[in-house]
Amino acid sequence: MPVTASTATMRPMTPRTRVAVRAGIIERSIASLHGRMENGAVGTILRAMYPTRALRSRNLAVLILLLGAFALVAGRWYFFGQDKSDFPDGYDAVQVAPKSHRILFENAFVRVLEVSVPPGTKEPIHHHRWPSLFLVWDTGGRTAHLRYYLADGSVRDHPSTDRPLLEGKWVVKWMEPEPMHSIENAETPESALTLPKRPPTVRVEFKVHP
């Protein structure tokens, strides 16, 4: 029987075909993320660090490929005894706190967020049900005064501290799924002017499923 478009789509994919399809999805996702990051906050940093487009593209590509490889590994993990009461429906960070969590990129594997809490504001209580990486551009200097509110009503105060100025560098921090919480930026608009200038934090969430 001749192969037509209708009969071809009915055939089950072989393991090799499934791998090729998944690789194609990841390749397109990485290309899309490359463009978005180059035009965003990360691109601003790279333009300051590397004068030529070739150098910027190479260093950005390395960063994205490392994140992509990590996502493939993380995608094989499961939540270890995650208590569903800590991650109730309707309290996802983007859903209830969109002013401080802006989606830069999202597909079936990852969600990349720009995270920023303006001075004098407090986020609505929310959670992050997926493990993630925090990417922070650190230049030293004074840190912001923050308060971290937990679901049980307790508060962790993080006073401002003075640190020596540093040459800018990436700081990468692993984050487990983060239960219900809220962050308050206790700085005032005036005091925030004395903080080092840096782009917002980037949070790369890996969509592992139970």
Foldseek 3Di string as FASTA:
>chain_A
DDDDPVNVVPDDDDPVRVVVVVVVVLVVQLVVLLVLCCPDQNVVVLVVVDVDPVVSSVVSSVVSVVVSVVLVVLQVDEDDPDDVVQADPQFACCRQFVVQWPWSGDDPWKTKTFGDADEPDKGDKGWAQFKKKKKFWDQFAKDFWKWKADPVGDIDTDGIDGTDTHDIDIDIDIGHTGGIMMMHGHHDPVRCVRGDDGGTMMIMGTDHYD
